[in-house]
Structure formats: C-alpha cells, structure tokens
N, C-alpha and C. Protein backbone atom coordinates (compact mmCIF):
# COMPACT_ATOMS: atom_id res chain seq x y z
N MET A 1 33.55 106.71 73.45
CA MET A 1 34.03 108.01 73.93
C MET A 1 35.47 108.24 73.47
N THR A 2 35.77 109.47 73.12
CA THR A 2 37.14 109.85 72.79
C THR A 2 37.85 110.31 74.05
N VAL A 3 39.05 109.79 74.28
CA VAL A 3 39.81 110.12 75.49
C VAL A 3 40.90 111.14 75.16
N THR A 4 40.93 112.21 75.92
CA THR A 4 42.04 113.17 75.88
C THR A 4 43.02 112.77 76.98
N ILE A 5 44.23 112.38 76.59
CA ILE A 5 45.17 111.81 77.54
C ILE A 5 46.03 112.89 78.18
N ASN A 6 46.12 112.86 79.50
CA ASN A 6 46.99 113.77 80.25
C ASN A 6 48.31 113.10 80.63
N VAL A 7 48.23 111.86 81.11
CA VAL A 7 49.42 111.09 81.49
C VAL A 7 49.25 109.67 80.97
N ASP A 8 50.31 109.13 80.38
CA ASP A 8 50.27 107.76 79.85
C ASP A 8 51.65 107.13 80.05
N LEU A 9 51.72 106.16 80.97
CA LEU A 9 52.99 105.51 81.29
C LEU A 9 53.15 104.15 80.62
N ARG A 10 52.35 103.84 79.62
CA ARG A 10 52.44 102.53 78.99
C ARG A 10 53.81 102.24 78.41
N ALA A 11 54.55 103.27 78.01
CA ALA A 11 55.87 103.06 77.43
C ALA A 11 56.86 102.49 78.43
N LYS A 12 56.56 102.58 79.72
CA LYS A 12 57.43 102.01 80.75
C LYS A 12 57.30 100.49 80.85
N PHE A 13 56.27 99.94 80.24
CA PHE A 13 55.95 98.53 80.39
C PHE A 13 56.20 97.75 79.10
N GLY A 14 56.41 96.46 79.27
CA GLY A 14 56.48 95.55 78.14
C GLY A 14 55.10 94.98 77.83
N PRO A 15 55.05 93.87 77.09
CA PRO A 15 53.76 93.27 76.73
C PRO A 15 52.93 92.91 77.96
N VAL A 16 51.62 93.06 77.83
CA VAL A 16 50.70 92.66 78.89
C VAL A 16 50.80 91.16 79.09
N ARG A 17 50.77 90.73 80.34
CA ARG A 17 50.90 89.30 80.65
C ARG A 17 49.53 88.71 81.01
N ASP A 18 49.47 87.40 81.11
CA ASP A 18 48.21 86.70 81.34
C ASP A 18 48.37 85.77 82.54
N GLN A 19 47.62 86.03 83.60
CA GLN A 19 47.70 85.20 84.80
C GLN A 19 47.00 83.86 84.65
N GLY A 20 46.16 83.73 83.61
CA GLY A 20 45.42 82.48 83.44
C GLY A 20 44.39 82.31 84.54
N ALA A 21 44.18 81.06 84.97
CA ALA A 21 43.12 80.76 85.93
C ALA A 21 43.57 80.87 87.38
N ARG A 22 44.84 81.21 87.62
CA ARG A 22 45.35 81.28 89.00
C ARG A 22 45.03 82.63 89.66
N PRO A 23 44.94 82.67 91.00
CA PRO A 23 44.60 83.91 91.72
C PRO A 23 45.83 84.77 91.99
N THR A 24 46.53 85.16 90.93
CA THR A 24 47.84 85.81 91.06
C THR A 24 47.84 87.25 90.54
N CYS A 25 46.66 87.86 90.46
CA CYS A 25 46.59 89.21 89.89
C CYS A 25 47.44 90.21 90.66
N LEU A 26 47.46 90.11 92.00
CA LEU A 26 48.25 91.06 92.78
C LEU A 26 49.74 90.87 92.55
N ALA A 27 50.18 89.63 92.40
CA ALA A 27 51.59 89.38 92.11
C ALA A 27 51.97 89.99 90.76
N PHE A 28 51.09 89.88 89.77
CA PHE A 28 51.37 90.49 88.47
C PHE A 28 51.39 92.00 88.56
N ALA A 29 50.40 92.58 89.26
CA ALA A 29 50.34 94.03 89.37
C ALA A 29 51.57 94.58 90.10
N ALA A 30 51.92 93.95 91.23
CA ALA A 30 53.07 94.43 92.00
C ALA A 30 54.37 94.25 91.23
N SER A 31 54.52 93.10 90.56
CA SER A 31 55.76 92.81 89.83
C SER A 31 55.95 93.76 88.66
N ASP A 32 54.87 94.00 87.90
CA ASP A 32 55.01 94.87 86.74
C ASP A 32 55.14 96.34 87.15
N ALA A 33 54.46 96.74 88.23
CA ALA A 33 54.66 98.11 88.74
C ALA A 33 56.11 98.29 89.20
N HIS A 34 56.66 97.26 89.85
CA HIS A 34 58.05 97.29 90.28
C HIS A 34 58.99 97.39 89.08
N ALA A 35 58.77 96.53 88.10
CA ALA A 35 59.64 96.52 86.92
C ALA A 35 59.61 97.85 86.18
N ALA A 36 58.44 98.50 86.17
CA ALA A 36 58.31 99.77 85.45
C ALA A 36 59.11 100.89 86.09
N LEU A 37 59.46 100.74 87.37
CA LEU A 37 60.25 101.75 88.07
C LEU A 37 61.75 101.57 87.87
N ARG A 38 62.14 100.44 87.27
CA ARG A 38 63.54 100.17 87.03
C ARG A 38 63.94 100.67 85.64
N SER A 39 65.22 100.76 85.40
CA SER A 39 65.72 101.24 84.12
C SER A 39 65.53 100.17 83.05
N GLY A 40 64.84 100.52 81.97
CA GLY A 40 64.58 99.54 80.92
C GLY A 40 63.52 98.55 81.36
N TRP A 41 62.98 97.79 80.44
CA TRP A 41 61.93 96.83 80.80
C TRP A 41 62.53 95.43 80.95
N ASP A 42 62.59 94.98 82.19
CA ASP A 42 63.01 93.61 82.49
C ASP A 42 61.94 93.04 83.40
N PRO A 43 61.00 92.23 82.87
CA PRO A 43 59.91 91.72 83.71
C PRO A 43 60.45 90.94 84.90
N LEU A 44 59.81 91.12 86.04
CA LEU A 44 60.23 90.48 87.27
C LEU A 44 59.33 89.28 87.58
N SER A 45 59.87 88.35 88.35
CA SER A 45 59.18 87.08 88.59
C SER A 45 58.00 87.26 89.54
N CYS A 46 56.79 87.23 88.99
CA CYS A 46 55.61 87.28 89.85
C CYS A 46 55.44 85.96 90.59
N GLU A 47 55.95 84.87 90.02
CA GLU A 47 55.87 83.58 90.71
C GLU A 47 56.64 83.62 92.02
N PHE A 48 57.84 84.19 91.99
CA PHE A 48 58.67 84.30 93.18
C PHE A 48 57.99 85.20 94.21
N ALA A 49 57.45 86.35 93.77
CA ALA A 49 56.78 87.27 94.69
C ALA A 49 55.55 86.62 95.30
N PHE A 50 54.77 85.92 94.48
CA PHE A 50 53.57 85.26 94.98
C PHE A 50 53.92 84.17 96.00
N TYR A 51 54.89 83.34 95.65
CA TYR A 51 55.32 82.26 96.55
C TYR A 51 55.70 82.80 97.92
N HIS A 52 56.53 83.83 97.94
CA HIS A 52 57.02 84.34 99.22
C HIS A 52 55.96 85.14 99.97
N ALA A 53 55.05 85.80 99.25
CA ALA A 53 53.95 86.48 99.93
C ALA A 53 53.07 85.48 100.67
N GLN A 54 52.78 84.34 100.02
CA GLN A 54 51.95 83.32 100.66
C GLN A 54 52.71 82.63 101.79
N LYS A 55 54.00 82.45 101.60
CA LYS A 55 54.82 81.77 102.60
C LYS A 55 54.89 82.57 103.90
N ARG A 56 54.81 83.88 103.81
CA ARG A 56 54.95 84.73 104.99
C ARG A 56 53.93 84.37 106.08
N THR A 57 52.73 84.03 105.65
CA THR A 57 51.66 83.75 106.62
C THR A 57 51.10 82.35 106.48
N GLY A 58 51.80 81.49 105.73
CA GLY A 58 51.34 80.12 105.57
C GLY A 58 50.06 80.01 104.77
N ARG A 59 49.84 80.95 103.86
CA ARG A 59 48.62 80.95 103.06
C ARG A 59 48.79 80.05 101.84
N SER A 60 47.75 79.32 101.47
CA SER A 60 47.80 78.38 100.36
C SER A 60 48.07 79.10 99.04
N PRO A 61 48.88 78.50 98.16
CA PRO A 61 49.08 79.10 96.83
C PRO A 61 47.86 78.97 95.93
N ASN A 62 46.82 78.31 96.41
CA ASN A 62 45.57 78.23 95.67
C ASN A 62 44.65 79.41 95.97
N LYS A 63 45.09 80.30 96.87
CA LYS A 63 44.31 81.47 97.22
C LYS A 63 45.08 82.73 96.84
N GLY A 64 44.36 83.84 96.73
CA GLY A 64 45.00 85.09 96.38
C GLY A 64 45.85 85.64 97.52
N ALA A 65 46.80 86.49 97.17
CA ALA A 65 47.69 87.09 98.17
C ALA A 65 47.06 88.34 98.76
N PHE A 66 47.53 88.70 99.96
CA PHE A 66 47.11 89.93 100.62
C PHE A 66 48.11 91.05 100.30
N LEU A 67 47.60 92.28 100.23
CA LEU A 67 48.44 93.42 99.86
C LEU A 67 49.58 93.63 100.84
N ASP A 68 49.31 93.54 102.14
CA ASP A 68 50.37 93.74 103.13
C ASP A 68 51.50 92.73 102.95
N ASP A 69 51.14 91.49 102.67
CA ASP A 69 52.15 90.45 102.47
C ASP A 69 52.96 90.70 101.20
N MET A 70 52.31 91.17 100.15
CA MET A 70 53.02 91.42 98.90
C MET A 70 54.00 92.59 99.06
N LEU A 71 53.56 93.65 99.71
CA LEU A 71 54.45 94.80 99.91
C LEU A 71 55.63 94.41 100.80
N ALA A 72 55.38 93.61 101.82
CA ALA A 72 56.47 93.17 102.70
C ALA A 72 57.44 92.28 101.96
N THR A 73 56.94 91.46 101.04
CA THR A 73 57.82 90.60 100.24
C THR A 73 58.74 91.42 99.35
N LEU A 74 58.20 92.41 98.67
CA LEU A 74 59.04 93.25 97.81
C LEU A 74 60.08 93.99 98.63
N ARG A 75 59.71 94.40 99.84
CA ARG A 75 60.63 95.16 100.69
C ARG A 75 61.69 94.28 101.34
N ASP A 76 61.29 93.12 101.87
CA ASP A 76 62.20 92.32 102.69
C ASP A 76 62.88 91.18 101.92
N THR A 77 62.21 90.65 100.92
CA THR A 77 62.73 89.51 100.16
C THR A 77 63.18 89.90 98.77
N GLY A 78 62.40 90.76 98.13
CA GLY A 78 62.70 91.14 96.75
C GLY A 78 62.23 90.08 95.78
N GLN A 79 62.60 90.26 94.53
CA GLN A 79 62.23 89.29 93.49
C GLN A 79 63.26 89.35 92.37
N PRO A 80 63.46 88.21 91.69
CA PRO A 80 64.41 88.18 90.58
C PRO A 80 63.73 88.54 89.26
N SER A 81 64.51 88.54 88.20
CA SER A 81 63.94 88.67 86.87
C SER A 81 63.03 87.49 86.58
N GLU A 82 62.11 87.67 85.65
CA GLU A 82 61.17 86.61 85.27
C GLU A 82 61.90 85.33 84.89
N SER A 83 63.05 85.47 84.26
CA SER A 83 63.81 84.29 83.83
C SER A 83 64.31 83.46 85.02
N GLY A 84 64.40 84.08 86.21
CA GLY A 84 64.85 83.35 87.39
C GLY A 84 63.86 82.31 87.86
N TRP A 85 62.58 82.63 87.73
CA TRP A 85 61.51 81.66 88.01
C TRP A 85 60.31 82.04 87.17
N PRO A 86 60.21 81.53 85.93
CA PRO A 86 59.11 81.88 85.05
C PRO A 86 57.75 81.48 85.64
N TYR A 87 56.73 82.17 85.22
CA TYR A 87 55.37 81.93 85.71
C TYR A 87 54.91 80.52 85.35
N ILE A 88 54.21 79.90 86.29
CA ILE A 88 53.69 78.54 86.10
C ILE A 88 52.18 78.64 85.85
N PRO A 89 51.70 78.27 84.65
CA PRO A 89 50.26 78.38 84.38
C PRO A 89 49.40 77.54 85.32
N ARG A 90 49.94 76.39 85.75
CA ARG A 90 49.20 75.52 86.68
C ARG A 90 50.15 75.05 87.78
N LEU A 91 49.66 75.05 89.00
CA LEU A 91 50.46 74.55 90.12
C LEU A 91 50.60 73.03 90.03
N PRO A 92 51.69 72.48 90.55
CA PRO A 92 51.81 71.02 90.60
C PRO A 92 50.72 70.44 91.50
N THR A 93 50.28 69.24 91.16
CA THR A 93 49.25 68.57 91.97
C THR A 93 49.72 68.40 93.40
N ASP A 94 50.96 68.01 93.59
CA ASP A 94 51.55 67.86 94.91
C ASP A 94 52.27 69.17 95.25
N LEU A 95 51.68 69.95 96.15
CA LEU A 95 52.23 71.27 96.46
C LEU A 95 53.58 71.20 97.17
N ARG A 96 53.98 70.03 97.59
CA ARG A 96 55.32 69.89 98.16
C ARG A 96 56.39 70.17 97.11
N HIS A 97 56.01 70.06 95.84
CA HIS A 97 56.95 70.31 94.74
C HIS A 97 56.92 71.77 94.28
N TYR A 98 56.07 72.58 94.94
CA TYR A 98 55.98 73.98 94.57
C TYR A 98 56.99 74.79 95.39
N ARG A 99 58.09 75.12 94.78
CA ARG A 99 59.14 75.89 95.45
C ARG A 99 60.05 76.50 94.38
N PRO A 100 60.80 77.53 94.75
CA PRO A 100 61.66 78.20 93.76
C PRO A 100 62.76 77.28 93.26
N PRO A 101 63.31 77.56 92.09
CA PRO A 101 64.49 76.83 91.63
C PRO A 101 65.65 77.01 92.61
N SER A 102 66.66 76.17 92.49
CA SER A 102 67.80 76.24 93.41
C SER A 102 68.53 77.57 93.32
N SER A 103 68.48 78.21 92.17
CA SER A 103 69.11 79.52 92.00
C SER A 103 68.23 80.37 91.09
N VAL A 104 67.90 81.57 91.53
CA VAL A 104 67.02 82.43 90.73
C VAL A 104 67.72 83.69 90.23
N GLY A 105 68.95 83.91 90.67
CA GLY A 105 69.66 85.11 90.25
C GLY A 105 69.52 86.24 91.25
N ASN A 106 69.91 87.42 90.84
CA ASN A 106 69.88 88.59 91.72
C ASN A 106 68.46 88.95 92.13
N LEU A 107 68.33 89.43 93.36
CA LEU A 107 67.03 89.86 93.87
C LEU A 107 66.97 91.38 93.93
N PHE A 108 65.81 91.93 93.54
CA PHE A 108 65.61 93.37 93.53
C PHE A 108 64.49 93.72 94.49
N GLY A 109 64.77 94.64 95.42
CA GLY A 109 63.80 95.03 96.43
C GLY A 109 63.22 96.40 96.16
N ARG A 110 62.05 96.63 96.71
CA ARG A 110 61.38 97.91 96.50
C ARG A 110 60.50 98.23 97.71
N GLU A 111 60.65 99.44 98.23
CA GLU A 111 59.75 99.91 99.28
C GLU A 111 58.38 100.21 98.68
N GLY A 112 57.38 100.17 99.50
CA GLY A 112 56.03 100.49 99.05
C GLY A 112 55.13 100.74 100.23
N GLN A 113 54.03 101.40 99.99
CA GLN A 113 53.12 101.69 101.08
C GLN A 113 51.69 101.79 100.59
N LYS A 114 50.76 101.42 101.46
CA LYS A 114 49.35 101.64 101.18
C LYS A 114 49.04 103.11 101.43
N THR A 115 48.08 103.62 100.71
CA THR A 115 47.65 104.99 100.90
C THR A 115 46.13 105.03 100.77
N SER A 116 45.54 106.16 101.06
CA SER A 116 44.08 106.25 100.99
C SER A 116 43.62 106.00 99.55
N HIS A 117 42.59 105.20 99.41
CA HIS A 117 42.17 104.79 98.06
C HIS A 117 41.21 105.83 97.46
N GLU A 118 41.83 106.89 97.00
CA GLU A 118 41.11 107.98 96.36
C GLU A 118 41.65 108.17 94.96
N VAL A 119 40.79 108.55 94.04
CA VAL A 119 41.20 108.74 92.66
C VAL A 119 42.25 109.85 92.56
N ASP A 120 42.12 110.89 93.39
CA ASP A 120 43.12 111.96 93.38
C ASP A 120 44.51 111.44 93.72
N ARG A 121 44.60 110.47 94.65
CA ARG A 121 45.90 109.90 95.01
C ARG A 121 46.49 109.11 93.85
N VAL A 122 45.63 108.44 93.09
CA VAL A 122 46.09 107.73 91.89
C VAL A 122 46.71 108.72 90.90
N CYS A 123 46.00 109.81 90.65
CA CYS A 123 46.48 110.80 89.68
C CYS A 123 47.74 111.50 90.18
N ASP A 124 47.84 111.73 91.49
CA ASP A 124 49.05 112.34 92.04
C ASP A 124 50.28 111.47 91.75
N ALA A 125 50.12 110.16 91.94
CA ALA A 125 51.23 109.24 91.67
C ALA A 125 51.59 109.28 90.19
N LEU A 126 50.59 109.25 89.34
CA LEU A 126 50.84 109.25 87.90
C LEU A 126 51.50 110.56 87.45
N ASP A 127 51.11 111.66 88.07
CA ASP A 127 51.76 112.94 87.77
C ASP A 127 53.24 112.91 88.12
N SER A 128 53.60 112.04 89.08
CA SER A 128 55.00 111.88 89.48
C SER A 128 55.69 110.78 88.70
N ASN A 129 55.05 110.29 87.64
CA ASN A 129 55.63 109.28 86.77
C ASN A 129 55.71 107.91 87.46
N VAL A 130 54.82 107.66 88.40
CA VAL A 130 54.82 106.41 89.16
C VAL A 130 53.48 105.70 88.98
N PRO A 131 53.48 104.46 88.51
CA PRO A 131 52.22 103.71 88.40
C PRO A 131 51.70 103.35 89.79
N ALA A 132 50.41 103.06 89.89
CA ALA A 132 49.79 102.77 91.18
C ALA A 132 49.11 101.40 91.13
N ILE A 133 49.21 100.65 92.23
CA ILE A 133 48.58 99.34 92.34
C ILE A 133 47.18 99.54 92.91
N VAL A 134 46.17 99.18 92.14
CA VAL A 134 44.77 99.40 92.49
C VAL A 134 44.10 98.07 92.76
N LEU A 135 43.43 97.95 93.91
CA LEU A 135 42.64 96.77 94.23
C LEU A 135 41.17 97.15 94.22
N SER A 136 40.36 96.33 93.56
CA SER A 136 38.95 96.64 93.44
C SER A 136 38.12 95.37 93.40
N VAL A 137 36.82 95.55 93.61
CA VAL A 137 35.91 94.44 93.35
C VAL A 137 35.68 94.38 91.84
N LEU A 138 35.16 93.26 91.38
CA LEU A 138 34.89 93.08 89.96
C LEU A 138 33.41 93.29 89.67
N THR A 139 33.13 93.77 88.47
CA THR A 139 31.74 93.88 88.02
C THR A 139 31.63 93.19 86.66
N ARG A 140 30.39 92.93 86.27
CA ARG A 140 30.19 92.25 84.99
C ARG A 140 30.74 93.08 83.83
N SER A 141 30.57 94.39 83.87
CA SER A 141 31.03 95.23 82.75
C SER A 141 32.55 95.22 82.63
N PHE A 142 33.26 94.99 83.75
CA PHE A 142 34.72 94.96 83.70
C PHE A 142 35.23 93.80 82.86
N PHE A 143 34.51 92.71 82.85
CA PHE A 143 34.96 91.54 82.10
C PHE A 143 34.94 91.76 80.59
N ASN A 144 34.07 92.64 80.12
CA ASN A 144 33.94 92.87 78.68
C ASN A 144 33.90 94.36 78.37
N PRO A 145 35.06 95.02 78.36
CA PRO A 145 35.08 96.46 78.07
C PRO A 145 34.50 96.75 76.69
N PRO A 146 33.83 97.89 76.51
CA PRO A 146 33.31 98.26 75.19
C PRO A 146 34.44 98.52 74.21
N SER A 147 34.08 98.69 72.95
CA SER A 147 35.09 98.83 71.90
C SER A 147 35.98 100.06 72.08
N ASP A 148 35.46 101.12 72.73
CA ASP A 148 36.29 102.30 72.96
C ASP A 148 37.18 102.15 74.19
N GLY A 149 37.01 101.04 74.91
CA GLY A 149 37.87 100.77 76.06
C GLY A 149 37.53 101.54 77.31
N VAL A 150 36.39 102.25 77.34
CA VAL A 150 36.01 103.06 78.50
C VAL A 150 34.92 102.33 79.29
N ILE A 151 35.22 101.97 80.52
CA ILE A 151 34.26 101.29 81.39
C ILE A 151 33.68 102.31 82.35
N ASP A 152 32.38 102.55 82.23
CA ASP A 152 31.72 103.58 83.03
C ASP A 152 30.84 102.91 84.10
N GLN A 153 30.52 103.66 85.12
CA GLN A 153 29.59 103.19 86.14
C GLN A 153 28.18 103.24 85.58
N ILE A 154 27.51 102.11 85.55
CA ILE A 154 26.17 102.05 84.98
C ILE A 154 25.21 101.42 86.00
N THR A 155 23.98 101.84 85.95
CA THR A 155 22.96 101.31 86.84
C THR A 155 22.72 99.84 86.54
N GLY A 156 22.69 99.02 87.59
CA GLY A 156 22.40 97.61 87.41
C GLY A 156 23.60 96.75 87.09
N ASP A 157 24.80 97.36 87.05
CA ASP A 157 26.00 96.56 86.78
C ASP A 157 26.21 95.58 87.93
N GLU A 158 26.28 94.30 87.61
CA GLU A 158 26.40 93.28 88.65
C GLU A 158 27.79 93.31 89.27
N VAL A 159 27.83 93.35 90.60
CA VAL A 159 29.09 93.40 91.35
C VAL A 159 29.36 92.04 91.95
N PHE A 160 30.62 91.59 91.82
CA PHE A 160 31.03 90.31 92.38
C PHE A 160 31.97 90.60 93.55
N PRO A 161 31.48 90.47 94.80
CA PRO A 161 32.33 90.79 95.96
C PRO A 161 33.59 89.93 96.03
N ALA A 162 33.56 88.75 95.48
CA ALA A 162 34.73 87.85 95.47
C ALA A 162 34.71 87.08 94.15
N PRO A 163 35.87 86.79 93.58
CA PRO A 163 37.18 87.24 94.05
C PRO A 163 37.41 88.71 93.73
N ARG A 164 38.34 89.31 94.47
CA ARG A 164 38.70 90.70 94.20
C ARG A 164 39.89 90.72 93.24
N HIS A 165 40.21 91.89 92.73
CA HIS A 165 41.16 91.96 91.63
C HIS A 165 42.14 93.11 91.80
N ALA A 166 43.32 92.96 91.22
CA ALA A 166 44.36 94.00 91.25
C ALA A 166 44.78 94.35 89.83
N VAL A 167 44.92 95.63 89.58
CA VAL A 167 45.40 96.14 88.29
C VAL A 167 46.40 97.25 88.58
N ILE A 168 47.01 97.78 87.54
CA ILE A 168 47.94 98.90 87.69
C ILE A 168 47.38 100.12 86.98
N ALA A 169 47.27 101.24 87.69
CA ALA A 169 46.90 102.51 87.05
C ALA A 169 48.15 103.07 86.37
N VAL A 170 48.05 103.32 85.06
CA VAL A 170 49.22 103.74 84.29
C VAL A 170 48.99 105.06 83.55
N GLY A 171 47.83 105.68 83.72
CA GLY A 171 47.59 106.94 83.03
C GLY A 171 46.23 107.49 83.40
N TYR A 172 45.99 108.74 82.99
CA TYR A 172 44.65 109.30 83.16
C TYR A 172 44.41 110.38 82.13
N GLY A 173 43.14 110.71 81.96
CA GLY A 173 42.75 111.72 81.00
C GLY A 173 41.30 112.10 81.19
N GLU A 174 40.64 112.55 80.12
CA GLU A 174 39.24 112.94 80.19
C GLU A 174 38.49 112.36 79.00
N ALA A 175 37.24 111.98 79.27
CA ALA A 175 36.36 111.48 78.21
C ALA A 175 34.95 111.96 78.53
N ALA A 176 34.39 112.72 77.62
CA ALA A 176 33.03 113.25 77.80
C ALA A 176 32.89 113.96 79.15
N THR A 177 33.83 114.82 79.45
CA THR A 177 33.90 115.64 80.67
C THR A 177 34.17 114.83 81.94
N LYS A 178 34.37 113.53 81.81
CA LYS A 178 34.66 112.70 82.98
C LYS A 178 36.15 112.38 83.04
N ARG A 179 36.72 112.38 84.23
CA ARG A 179 38.09 111.92 84.40
C ARG A 179 38.11 110.40 84.26
N VAL A 180 39.08 109.89 83.54
CA VAL A 180 39.20 108.45 83.32
C VAL A 180 40.63 108.01 83.65
N ILE A 181 40.73 106.80 84.22
CA ILE A 181 42.02 106.25 84.64
C ILE A 181 42.34 105.04 83.76
N LEU A 182 43.53 105.04 83.19
CA LEU A 182 43.97 103.93 82.34
C LEU A 182 44.59 102.85 83.21
N VAL A 183 44.10 101.62 83.09
CA VAL A 183 44.63 100.52 83.90
C VAL A 183 45.19 99.42 83.00
N ARG A 184 46.23 98.79 83.51
CA ARG A 184 46.85 97.63 82.86
C ARG A 184 46.38 96.39 83.62
N ASN A 185 45.78 95.46 82.89
CA ASN A 185 45.27 94.24 83.49
C ASN A 185 46.25 93.09 83.27
N SER A 186 45.94 91.94 83.84
CA SER A 186 46.80 90.76 83.67
C SER A 186 46.00 89.60 83.09
N TRP A 187 45.10 89.94 82.15
CA TRP A 187 44.28 88.93 81.48
C TRP A 187 44.66 88.78 80.00
N GLY A 188 45.87 89.15 79.66
CA GLY A 188 46.34 88.99 78.30
C GLY A 188 45.92 90.13 77.39
N PRO A 189 46.44 90.15 76.15
CA PRO A 189 46.21 91.27 75.24
C PRO A 189 44.83 91.30 74.59
N THR A 190 44.02 90.26 74.77
CA THR A 190 42.69 90.26 74.15
C THR A 190 41.66 91.02 74.98
N TRP A 191 42.00 91.35 76.23
CA TRP A 191 41.07 92.10 77.08
C TRP A 191 41.21 93.60 76.79
N GLY A 192 40.09 94.27 76.59
CA GLY A 192 40.11 95.72 76.41
C GLY A 192 40.92 96.15 75.21
N LEU A 193 41.71 97.20 75.41
CA LEU A 193 42.56 97.76 74.36
C LEU A 193 43.96 97.17 74.50
N SER A 194 44.14 95.98 73.94
CA SER A 194 45.42 95.28 74.02
C SER A 194 45.88 95.09 75.47
N GLY A 195 44.92 94.77 76.36
CA GLY A 195 45.24 94.51 77.75
C GLY A 195 45.06 95.69 78.68
N TYR A 196 44.63 96.82 78.15
CA TYR A 196 44.40 98.03 78.94
C TYR A 196 42.94 98.47 78.79
N ALA A 197 42.47 99.30 79.72
CA ALA A 197 41.14 99.90 79.59
C ALA A 197 41.11 101.18 80.42
N TRP A 198 40.15 102.03 80.08
CA TRP A 198 39.93 103.28 80.82
C TRP A 198 38.76 103.08 81.77
N LEU A 199 38.94 103.40 83.05
CA LEU A 199 37.88 103.35 84.03
C LEU A 199 37.47 104.78 84.38
N THR A 200 36.18 105.08 84.30
CA THR A 200 35.76 106.42 84.69
C THR A 200 35.97 106.62 86.19
N GLU A 201 36.09 107.88 86.58
CA GLU A 201 36.29 108.18 88.00
C GLU A 201 35.15 107.63 88.84
N ASP A 202 33.91 107.71 88.33
CA ASP A 202 32.76 107.19 89.07
C ASP A 202 32.91 105.69 89.30
N PHE A 203 33.33 104.96 88.26
CA PHE A 203 33.48 103.51 88.37
C PHE A 203 34.58 103.16 89.35
N LEU A 204 35.72 103.81 89.22
CA LEU A 204 36.87 103.48 90.07
C LEU A 204 36.59 103.86 91.53
N ALA A 205 36.03 105.02 91.76
CA ALA A 205 35.75 105.46 93.13
C ALA A 205 34.78 104.52 93.83
N LYS A 206 33.85 103.98 93.10
CA LYS A 206 32.84 103.10 93.69
C LYS A 206 33.42 101.73 94.04
N HIS A 207 34.35 101.22 93.21
CA HIS A 207 34.76 99.83 93.35
C HIS A 207 36.17 99.63 93.91
N MET A 208 37.00 100.67 93.92
CA MET A 208 38.34 100.54 94.49
C MET A 208 38.26 100.47 96.01
N TYR A 209 39.00 99.53 96.61
CA TYR A 209 39.00 99.42 98.07
C TYR A 209 40.40 99.50 98.68
N ALA A 210 41.44 99.52 97.86
CA ALA A 210 42.80 99.67 98.39
C ALA A 210 43.69 100.22 97.29
N LEU A 211 44.76 100.90 97.73
CA LEU A 211 45.69 101.52 96.79
C LEU A 211 47.08 101.47 97.40
N ALA A 212 48.07 101.13 96.58
CA ALA A 212 49.45 101.10 97.06
C ALA A 212 50.36 101.74 96.02
N ILE A 213 51.39 102.39 96.53
CA ILE A 213 52.38 103.05 95.69
C ILE A 213 53.76 102.50 96.04
N LEU A 214 54.49 102.03 95.03
CA LEU A 214 55.87 101.60 95.25
C LEU A 214 56.78 102.82 95.19
N THR A 215 57.81 102.82 96.03
CA THR A 215 58.66 104.01 96.15
C THR A 215 60.12 103.67 95.85
N ASP A 216 60.96 103.71 96.87
CA ASP A 216 62.40 103.60 96.66
C ASP A 216 62.88 102.17 96.51
N GLU A 217 63.92 102.01 95.72
CA GLU A 217 64.62 100.73 95.62
C GLU A 217 65.28 100.45 96.97
N CYS A 218 65.33 99.18 97.39
CA CYS A 218 65.97 98.84 98.66
C CYS A 218 66.85 97.61 98.49
N ASP A 219 67.82 97.51 99.38
CA ASP A 219 68.81 96.43 99.31
C ASP A 219 68.27 95.19 100.03
N VAL A 220 68.19 94.07 99.30
CA VAL A 220 67.75 92.81 99.89
C VAL A 220 68.87 91.77 99.77
N SER A 221 70.12 92.23 99.65
CA SER A 221 71.23 91.33 99.42
C SER A 221 71.45 90.35 100.57
N GLY A 222 70.93 90.68 101.76
CA GLY A 222 71.10 89.76 102.88
C GLY A 222 70.17 88.57 102.82
N HIS A 223 69.23 88.58 101.88
CA HIS A 223 68.30 87.46 101.75
C HIS A 223 68.85 86.44 100.77
N SER A 224 68.69 85.18 101.06
CA SER A 224 69.17 84.12 100.19
C SER A 224 68.29 83.98 98.96
N ALA A 225 68.88 84.02 97.79
CA ALA A 225 68.12 83.89 96.55
C ALA A 225 67.67 82.46 96.32
N THR A 226 68.07 81.52 97.13
CA THR A 226 67.69 80.13 96.94
C THR A 226 66.62 79.70 97.91
N ALA A 227 66.13 80.64 98.77
CA ALA A 227 65.15 80.28 99.78
C ALA A 227 63.81 79.91 99.16
C-alpha cells in the first residue's frame, strides 16, 4: 500500500534502538518519547528509568514495567542522558549488583498522563507535534511487517495476550482509504521500515489497551542523581 503522510515526527528522533531480549519496551518508548520533546536529540537513559520504575513497587527487573510506575518515575525521579547509565543488554546474574552508577549526571523530568486509548487521541497528540506512548497486545503479523511496512487487521491473525508491548506513535496518514498510524519500535533497525511500521486504524483500535501522552518538563533537582 502507498501511504499518504499527514504527520511525521521521525525527524525528532535519533536512530532506532534495540531492547534485545529484556522486557524493557516501555522504558524505551517512554525515554525516546521524552527525548523527542527536548531540544535536539539527546537519547535518555532507559536503564535508569526502568530501574527506578521497578524500584517504586519492588518489582523484579526480570519483568516488564507498569505504565503508572514509568510515568511516576519520569515525573518524580527523572532520567539522565543515555551516557549517564548506558543500556545493559543482559542483567548481572547477581541482581544485588544491578544499580545505577555512583554518578549519572543531570536528571530531566517530564509530566505525563494516561488518556483514553482511542486512535483519535493518538492523532490529536500528533497534530500537536507530540508523540504518543502506545501499549498493545502483540500479534503474529506484528513480528514480521510486510515489505510496504503496513500492518493491517487480518482474519486469523494470532494474538499473544502476553507479553504486552509498548511503541511510540510518531505519525499518521492514509493508505487505501484507511487511516494508518506510524509507530517507532525498539527492536532495532531490521524490523519493518528501518525500525518503524504503519498500523492501520483497525489493527491499532483492536489491540491497543493503553495510551499515555508526555506533557510539560518538570524540575526533579531535589532528587539525588546517585540514588
């Protein structure tokens, strides 16, 4: 399908990143959505955000983060640049050694909120030049986007209720009279169109179960960057 693009925020982002085998998709989505709202592209530490989101409720770093915890972390704790605590492809065997470096640099905070998970709300955010954090279940077709990068709702597509996944909506347009939403994934540049794909409105509406929008920058200077 040929896509007619209405909004495309890919220029706000740097190279697509790869979470590897860890359950850190939400940390990547939140961190990159946060970084895209700042001036210039300076990737933010998803490791730091993930660590503190899990720490809030004593959740294991071997499990995925919850949206409420991630939004609270960005608001109350913030996160440093990626260089402050680079992503770890594999956790240490002894989790007692899993903790931030003694100094990570300046912390950047961001307000955010959950909103009704409707495709119209995604497009409203994009019209305001703001990417949206989308949480959805996974399907077999999502793992292997077609060559045109458009993933449509098809009969018999196998749905995997767990694990669930987070991506960033970064644009929208039309393809074959259908509205399509451009998403940035965290599975590296070999997935889809250099790490991006178009989801039809039917596909997204069926599988999306949560949506969050990051808003204003906030001051987290009272939090210790060494915690």
